[in-house]
Amino acid sequence: MSDHTVMIALALALTTVIAALVAAGAGYLARRDQAGYPAALTRAAVAFAATLTLSAVLTTALVAVSAN
């Protein structure tokens, strides 16, 4: 495996871990706000998806800028 492939795999793993931590925090805060378990799970899922989407957009922007 090349160094480039390893760096991509590490970046993906780090992004997934960060998204999971954000989701856990959002779910915890939703429960602290007296939300039910389904609502807290939904908020956590939305936070997870938003974090992954944001990281994908930032990665695309960085690739576009560095391609020039």
PDB file of N, CA and C in Angstrom:
ATOM      1  N   MET A   1       0.846  -1.175   0.000  1.00  0.00           N
ATOM      2  CA  MET A   1       0.000   0.000   0.000  1.00  0.00           C
ATOM      3  C   MET A   1       0.894   1.241   0.000  1.00  0.00           C
ATOM      4  N   SER A   2       0.532   2.200  -0.830  1.00  0.00           N
ATOM      5  CA  SER A   2       1.355   3.402  -0.925  1.00  0.00           C
ATOM      6  C   SER A   2       1.060   4.353   0.243  1.00  0.00           C
ATOM      7  N   ASP A   3       1.941   5.306   0.410  1.00  0.00           N
ATOM      8  CA  ASP A   3       1.773   6.299   1.475  1.00  0.00           C
ATOM      9  C   ASP A   3       0.511   7.125   1.264  1.00  0.00           C
ATOM     10  N   HIS A   4       0.210   7.412   0.012  1.00  0.00           N
ATOM     11  CA  HIS A   4      -0.986   8.203  -0.308  1.00  0.00           C
ATOM     12  C   HIS A   4      -2.252   7.467   0.121  1.00  0.00           C
ATOM     13  N   THR A   5      -2.306   6.179  -0.136  1.00  0.00           N
ATOM     14  CA  THR A   5      -3.464   5.374   0.236  1.00  0.00           C
ATOM     15  C   THR A   5      -3.613   5.295   1.752  1.00  0.00           C
ATOM     16  N   VAL A   6      -2.509   5.166   2.446  1.00  0.00           N
ATOM     17  CA  VAL A   6      -2.541   5.104   3.907  1.00  0.00           C
ATOM     18  C   VAL A   6      -3.028   6.424   4.486  1.00  0.00           C
ATOM     19  N   MET A   7      -2.578   7.537   3.921  1.00  0.00           N
ATOM     20  CA  MET A   7      -3.018   8.842   4.411  1.00  0.00           C
ATOM     21  C   MET A   7      -4.507   9.057   4.167  1.00  0.00           C
ATOM     22  N   ILE A   8      -5.002   8.598   3.036  1.00  0.00           N
ATOM     23  CA  ILE A   8      -6.436   8.718   2.756  1.00  0.00           C
ATOM     24  C   ILE A   8      -7.233   7.870   3.744  1.00  0.00           C
ATOM     25  N   ALA A   9      -6.764   6.655   4.009  1.00  0.00           N
ATOM     26  CA  ALA A   9      -7.458   5.781   4.959  1.00  0.00           C
ATOM     27  C   ALA A   9      -7.454   6.380   6.364  1.00  0.00           C
ATOM     28  N   LEU A  10      -6.350   6.950   6.784  1.00  0.00           N
ATOM     29  CA  LEU A  10      -6.282   7.595   8.098  1.00  0.00           C
ATOM     30  C   LEU A  10      -7.185   8.818   8.172  1.00  0.00           C
ATOM     31  N   ALA A  11      -7.244   9.595   7.117  1.00  0.00           N
ATOM     32  CA  ALA A  11      -8.126  10.762   7.100  1.00  0.00           C
ATOM     33  C   ALA A  11      -9.588  10.341   7.166  1.00  0.00           C
ATOM     34  N   LEU A  12      -9.947   9.287   6.453  1.00  0.00           N
ATOM     35  CA  LEU A  12     -11.320   8.784   6.513  1.00  0.00           C
ATOM     36  C   LEU A  12     -11.667   8.270   7.907  1.00  0.00           C
ATOM     37  N   ALA A  13     -10.734   7.564   8.520  1.00  0.00           N
ATOM     38  CA  ALA A  13     -10.981   7.054   9.867  1.00  0.00           C
ATOM     39  C   ALA A  13     -11.122   8.200  10.870  1.00  0.00           C
ATOM     40  N   LEU A  14     -10.272   9.194  10.759  1.00  0.00           N
ATOM     41  CA  LEU A  14     -10.343  10.342  11.663  1.00  0.00           C
ATOM     42  C   LEU A  14     -11.648  11.110  11.478  1.00  0.00           C
ATOM     43  N   THR A  15     -12.068  11.284  10.246  1.00  0.00           N
ATOM     44  CA  THR A  15     -13.321  11.982   9.967  1.00  0.00           C
ATOM     45  C   THR A  15     -14.504  11.220  10.541  1.00  0.00           C
ATOM     46  N   THR A  16     -14.485   9.902  10.400  1.00  0.00           N
ATOM     47  CA  THR A  16     -15.581   9.092  10.926  1.00  0.00           C
ATOM     48  C   THR A  16     -15.627   9.153  12.453  1.00  0.00           C
ATOM     49  N   VAL A  17     -14.476   9.130  13.097  1.00  0.00           N
ATOM     50  CA  VAL A  17     -14.425   9.211  14.559  1.00  0.00           C
ATOM     51  C   VAL A  17     -14.924  10.572  15.030  1.00  0.00           C
ATOM     52  N   ILE A  18     -14.507  11.627  14.351  1.00  0.00           N
ATOM     53  CA  ILE A  18     -14.964  12.968  14.733  1.00  0.00           C
ATOM     54  C   ILE A  18     -16.473  13.089  14.541  1.00  0.00           C
ATOM     55  N   ALA A  19     -16.990  12.554  13.435  1.00  0.00           N
ATOM     56  CA  ALA A  19     -18.439  12.602  13.191  1.00  0.00           C
ATOM     57  C   ALA A  19     -19.195  11.810  14.250  1.00  0.00           C
ATOM     58  N   ALA A  20     -18.650  10.682  14.682  1.00  0.00           N
ATOM     59  CA  ALA A  20     -19.299   9.894  15.727  1.00  0.00           C
ATOM     60  C   ALA A  20     -19.297  10.651  17.060  1.00  0.00           C
ATOM     61  N   LEU A  21     -18.213  11.346  17.360  1.00  0.00           N
ATOM     62  CA  LEU A  21     -18.158  12.136  18.589  1.00  0.00           C
ATOM     63  C   LEU A  21     -19.149  13.298  18.554  1.00  0.00           C
ATOM     64  N   VAL A  22     -19.275  13.940  17.409  1.00  0.00           N
ATOM     65  CA  VAL A  22     -20.245  15.023  17.267  1.00  0.00           C
ATOM     66  C   VAL A  22     -21.657  14.475  17.438  1.00  0.00           C
ATOM     67  N   ALA A  23     -21.931  13.312  16.852  1.00  0.00           N
ATOM     68  CA  ALA A  23     -23.258  12.700  16.979  1.00  0.00           C
ATOM     69  C   ALA A  23     -23.556  12.327  18.428  1.00  0.00           C
ATOM     70  N   ALA A  24     -22.568  11.771  19.114  1.00  0.00           N
ATOM     71  CA  ALA A  24     -22.777  11.420  20.520  1.00  0.00           C
ATOM     72  C   ALA A  24     -23.051  12.661  21.359  1.00  0.00           C
ATOM     73  N   GLY A  25     -22.321  13.730  21.098  1.00  0.00           N
ATOM     74  CA  GLY A  25     -22.554  14.977  21.813  1.00  0.00           C
ATOM     75  C   GLY A  25     -23.928  15.553  21.530  1.00  0.00           C
ATOM     76  N   ALA A  26     -24.354  15.495  20.281  1.00  0.00           N
ATOM     77  CA  ALA A  26     -25.675  16.023  19.927  1.00  0.00           C
ATOM     78  C   ALA A  26     -26.779  15.190  20.576  1.00  0.00           C
ATOM     79  N   GLY A  27     -26.610  13.883  20.580  1.00  0.00           N
ATOM     80  CA  GLY A  27     -27.602  13.024  21.229  1.00  0.00           C
ATOM     81  C   GLY A  27     -27.668  13.263  22.725  1.00  0.00           C
ATOM     82  N   TYR A  28     -26.513  13.424  23.347  1.00  0.00           N
ATOM     83  CA  TYR A  28     -26.464  13.693  24.790  1.00  0.00           C
ATOM     84  C   TYR A  28     -27.142  15.023  25.119  1.00  0.00           C
ATOM     85  N   LEU A  29     -26.821  16.050  24.340  1.00  0.00           N
ATOM     86  CA  LEU A  29     -27.431  17.351  24.601  1.00  0.00           C
ATOM     87  C   LEU A  29     -28.934  17.334  24.343  1.00  0.00           C
ATOM     88  N   ALA A  30     -29.369  16.550  23.368  1.00  0.00           N
ATOM     89  CA  ALA A  30     -30.804  16.438  23.116  1.00  0.00           C
ATOM     90  C   ALA A  30     -31.504  15.772  24.295  1.00  0.00           C
ATOM     91  N   ARG A  31     -30.886  14.727  24.849  1.00  0.00           N
ATOM     92  CA  ARG A  31     -31.480  14.063  26.016  1.00  0.00           C
ATOM     93  C   ARG A  31     -31.490  14.993  27.217  1.00  0.00           C
ATOM     94  N   ARG A  32     -30.454  15.801  27.377  1.00  0.00           N
ATOM     95  CA  ARG A  32     -30.414  16.767  28.479  1.00  0.00           C
ATOM     96  C   ARG A  32     -31.501  17.828  28.327  1.00  0.00           C
ATOM     97  N   ASP A  33     -31.932  18.040  27.090  1.00  0.00           N
ATOM     98  CA  ASP A  33     -32.973  19.012  26.790  1.00  0.00           C
ATOM     99  C   ASP A  33     -34.360  18.371  26.863  1.00  0.00           C
ATOM    100  N   GLN A  34     -34.455  17.219  27.518  1.00  0.00           N
ATOM    101  CA  GLN A  34     -35.707  16.495  27.742  1.00  0.00           C
ATOM    102  C   GLN A  34     -36.329  15.934  26.460  1.00  0.00           C
ATOM    103  N   ALA A  35     -35.531  15.691  25.437  1.00  0.00           N
ATOM    104  CA  ALA A  35     -36.045  15.063  24.223  1.00  0.00           C
ATOM    105  C   ALA A  35     -36.156  13.562  24.461  1.00  0.00           C
ATOM    106  N   GLY A  36     -37.093  12.930  23.794  1.00  0.00           N
ATOM    107  CA  GLY A  36     -37.232  11.485  23.911  1.00  0.00           C
ATOM    108  C   GLY A  36     -36.105  10.782  23.174  1.00  0.00           C
ATOM    109  N   TYR A  37     -35.996   9.474  23.378  1.00  0.00           N
ATOM    110  CA  TYR A  37     -34.929   8.717  22.731  1.00  0.00           C
ATOM    111  C   TYR A  37     -35.004   8.769  21.209  1.00  0.00           C
ATOM    112  N   PRO A  38     -36.189   8.638  20.595  1.00  0.00           N
ATOM    113  CA  PRO A  38     -36.229   8.741  19.125  1.00  0.00           C
ATOM    114  C   PRO A  38     -35.788  10.107  18.607  1.00  0.00           C
ATOM    115  N   ALA A  39     -36.202  11.168  19.285  1.00  0.00           N
ATOM    116  CA  ALA A  39     -35.802  12.515  18.867  1.00  0.00           C
ATOM    117  C   ALA A  39     -34.298  12.724  19.052  1.00  0.00           C
ATOM    118  N   ALA A  40     -33.757  12.219  20.152  1.00  0.00           N
ATOM    119  CA  ALA A  40     -32.318  12.359  20.392  1.00  0.00           C
ATOM    120  C   ALA A  40     -31.521  11.577  19.359  1.00  0.00           C
ATOM    121  N   LEU A  41     -31.999  10.399  19.015  1.00  0.00           N
ATOM    122  CA  LEU A  41     -31.319   9.593  17.993  1.00  0.00           C
ATOM    123  C   LEU A  41     -31.382  10.275  16.633  1.00  0.00           C
ATOM    124  N   THR A  42     -32.510  10.895  16.327  1.00  0.00           N
ATOM    125  CA  THR A  42     -32.645  11.615  15.066  1.00  0.00           C
ATOM    126  C   THR A  42     -31.691  12.804  15.017  1.00  0.00           C
ATOM    127  N   ARG A  43     -31.592  13.546  16.108  1.00  0.00           N
ATOM    128  CA  ARG A  43     -30.664  14.680  16.150  1.00  0.00           C
ATOM    129  C   ARG A  43     -29.219  14.210  16.024  1.00  0.00           C
ATOM    130  N   ALA A  44     -28.904  13.094  16.643  1.00  0.00           N
ATOM    131  CA  ALA A  44     -27.553  12.553  16.534  1.00  0.00           C
ATOM    132  C   ALA A  44     -27.250  12.133  15.100  1.00  0.00           C
ATOM    133  N   ALA A  45     -28.220  11.505  14.437  1.00  0.00           N
ATOM    134  CA  ALA A  45     -28.018  11.074  13.050  1.00  0.00           C
ATOM    135  C   ALA A  45     -27.850  12.272  12.119  1.00  0.00           C
ATOM    136  N   VAL A  46     -28.619  13.316  12.358  1.00  0.00           N
ATOM    137  CA  VAL A  46     -28.497  14.523  11.539  1.00  0.00           C
ATOM    138  C   VAL A  46     -27.132  15.170  11.753  1.00  0.00           C
ATOM    139  N   ALA A  47     -26.660  15.212  12.985  1.00  0.00           N
ATOM    140  CA  ALA A  47     -25.344  15.789  13.273  1.00  0.00           C
ATOM    141  C   ALA A  47     -24.235  14.957  12.631  1.00  0.00           C
ATOM    142  N   PHE A  48     -24.366  13.631  12.661  1.00  0.00           N
ATOM    143  CA  PHE A  48     -23.382  12.752  12.033  1.00  0.00           C
ATOM    144  C   PHE A  48     -23.335  13.008  10.534  1.00  0.00           C
ATOM    145  N   ALA A  49     -24.498  13.042   9.903  1.00  0.00           N
ATOM    146  CA  ALA A  49     -24.553  13.261   8.457  1.00  0.00           C
ATOM    147  C   ALA A  49     -24.037  14.651   8.079  1.00  0.00           C
ATOM    148  N   ALA A  50     -24.368  15.646   8.884  1.00  0.00           N
ATOM    149  CA  ALA A  50     -23.905  17.003   8.595  1.00  0.00           C
ATOM    150  C   ALA A  50     -22.390  17.112   8.720  1.00  0.00           C
ATOM    151  N   THR A  51     -21.817  16.437   9.692  1.00  0.00           N
ATOM    152  CA  THR A  51     -20.363  16.471   9.861  1.00  0.00           C
ATOM    153  C   THR A  51     -19.664  15.808   8.688  1.00  0.00           C
ATOM    154  N   LEU A  52     -20.176  14.667   8.242  1.00  0.00           N
ATOM    155  CA  LEU A  52     -19.578  14.001   7.084  1.00  0.00           C
ATOM    156  C   LEU A  52     -19.749  14.835   5.818  1.00  0.00           C
ATOM    157  N   THR A  53     -20.887  15.481   5.668  1.00  0.00           N
ATOM    158  CA  THR A  53     -21.118  16.329   4.497  1.00  0.00           C
ATOM    159  C   THR A  53     -20.176  17.528   4.503  1.00  0.00           C
ATOM    160  N   LEU A  54     -20.019  18.146   5.655  1.00  0.00           N
ATOM    161  CA  LEU A  54     -19.117  19.287   5.764  1.00  0.00           C
ATOM    162  C   LEU A  54     -17.678  18.889   5.449  1.00  0.00           C
ATOM    163  N   SER A  55     -17.246  17.753   5.937  1.00  0.00           N
ATOM    164  CA  SER A  55     -15.879  17.319   5.648  1.00  0.00           C
ATOM    165  C   SER A  55     -15.706  16.993   4.168  1.00  0.00           C
ATOM    166  N   ALA A  56     -16.738  16.445   3.524  1.00  0.00           N
ATOM    167  CA  ALA A  56     -16.656  16.171   2.089  1.00  0.00           C
ATOM    168  C   ALA A  56     -16.579  17.464   1.285  1.00  0.00           C
ATOM    169  N   VAL A  57     -17.362  18.466   1.685  1.00  0.00           N
ATOM    170  CA  VAL A  57     -17.335  19.759   0.988  1.00  0.00           C
ATOM    171  C   VAL A  57     -15.979  20.432   1.163  1.00  0.00           C
ATOM    172  N   LEU A  58     -15.441  20.396   2.370  1.00  0.00           N
ATOM    173  CA  LEU A  58     -14.130  20.999   2.604  1.00  0.00           C
ATOM    174  C   LEU A  58     -13.031  20.284   1.834  1.00  0.00           C
ATOM    175  N   THR A  59     -13.106  18.972   1.766  1.00  0.00           N
ATOM    176  CA  THR A  59     -12.120  18.204   1.010  1.00  0.00           C
ATOM    177  C   THR A  59     -12.198  18.537  -0.472  1.00  0.00           C
ATOM    178  N   THR A  60     -13.406  18.628  -1.003  1.00  0.00           N
ATOM    179  CA  THR A  60     -13.581  18.978  -2.404  1.00  0.00           C
ATOM    180  C   THR A  60     -13.044  20.374  -2.692  1.00  0.00           C
ATOM    181  N   ALA A  61     -13.310  21.307  -1.793  1.00  0.00           N
ATOM    182  CA  ALA A  61     -12.807  22.676  -1.981  1.00  0.00           C
ATOM    183  C   ALA A  61     -11.292  22.710  -1.935  1.00  0.00           C
ATOM    184  N   LEU A  62     -10.696  21.989  -1.022  1.00  0.00           N
ATOM    185  CA  LEU A  62      -9.232  21.964  -0.931  1.00  0.00           C
ATOM    186  C   LEU A  62      -8.585  21.331  -2.156  1.00  0.00           C
ATOM    187  N   VAL A  63      -9.214  20.283  -2.664  1.00  0.00           N
ATOM    188  CA  VAL A  63      -8.687  19.644  -3.877  1.00  0.00           C
ATOM    189  C   VAL A  63      -8.814  20.582  -5.060  1.00  0.00           C
ATOM    190  N   ALA A  64      -9.924  21.297  -5.146  1.00  0.00           N
ATOM    191  CA  ALA A  64     -10.125  22.230  -6.256  1.00  0.00           C
ATOM    192  C   ALA A  64      -9.124  23.382  -6.200  1.00  0.00           C
ATOM    193  N   VAL A  65      -8.848  23.870  -5.010  1.00  0.00           N
ATOM    194  CA  VAL A  65      -7.914  24.986  -4.870  1.00  0.00           C
ATOM    195  C   VAL A  65      -6.489  24.529  -5.147  1.00  0.00           C
ATOM    196  N   SER A  66      -6.129  23.354  -4.672  1.00  0.00           N
ATOM    197  CA  SER A  66      -4.749  22.885  -4.846  1.00  0.00           C
ATOM    198  C   SER A  66      -4.484  22.339  -6.242  1.00  0.00           C
ATOM    199  N   ALA A  67      -5.517  22.126  -7.045  1.00  0.00           N
ATOM    200  CA  ALA A  67      -5.324  21.591  -8.396  1.00  0.00           C
ATOM    201  C   ALA A  67      -4.743  22.643  -9.332  1.00  0.00           C
ATOM    202  N   ASN A  68      -4.911  23.901  -8.993  1.00  0.00           N
ATOM    203  CA  ASN A  68      -4.412  24.964  -9.880  1.00  0.00           C
ATOM    204  C   ASN A  68      -2.939  25.131  -9.782  1.00  0.00           C
TER     205      ASN A  68
END
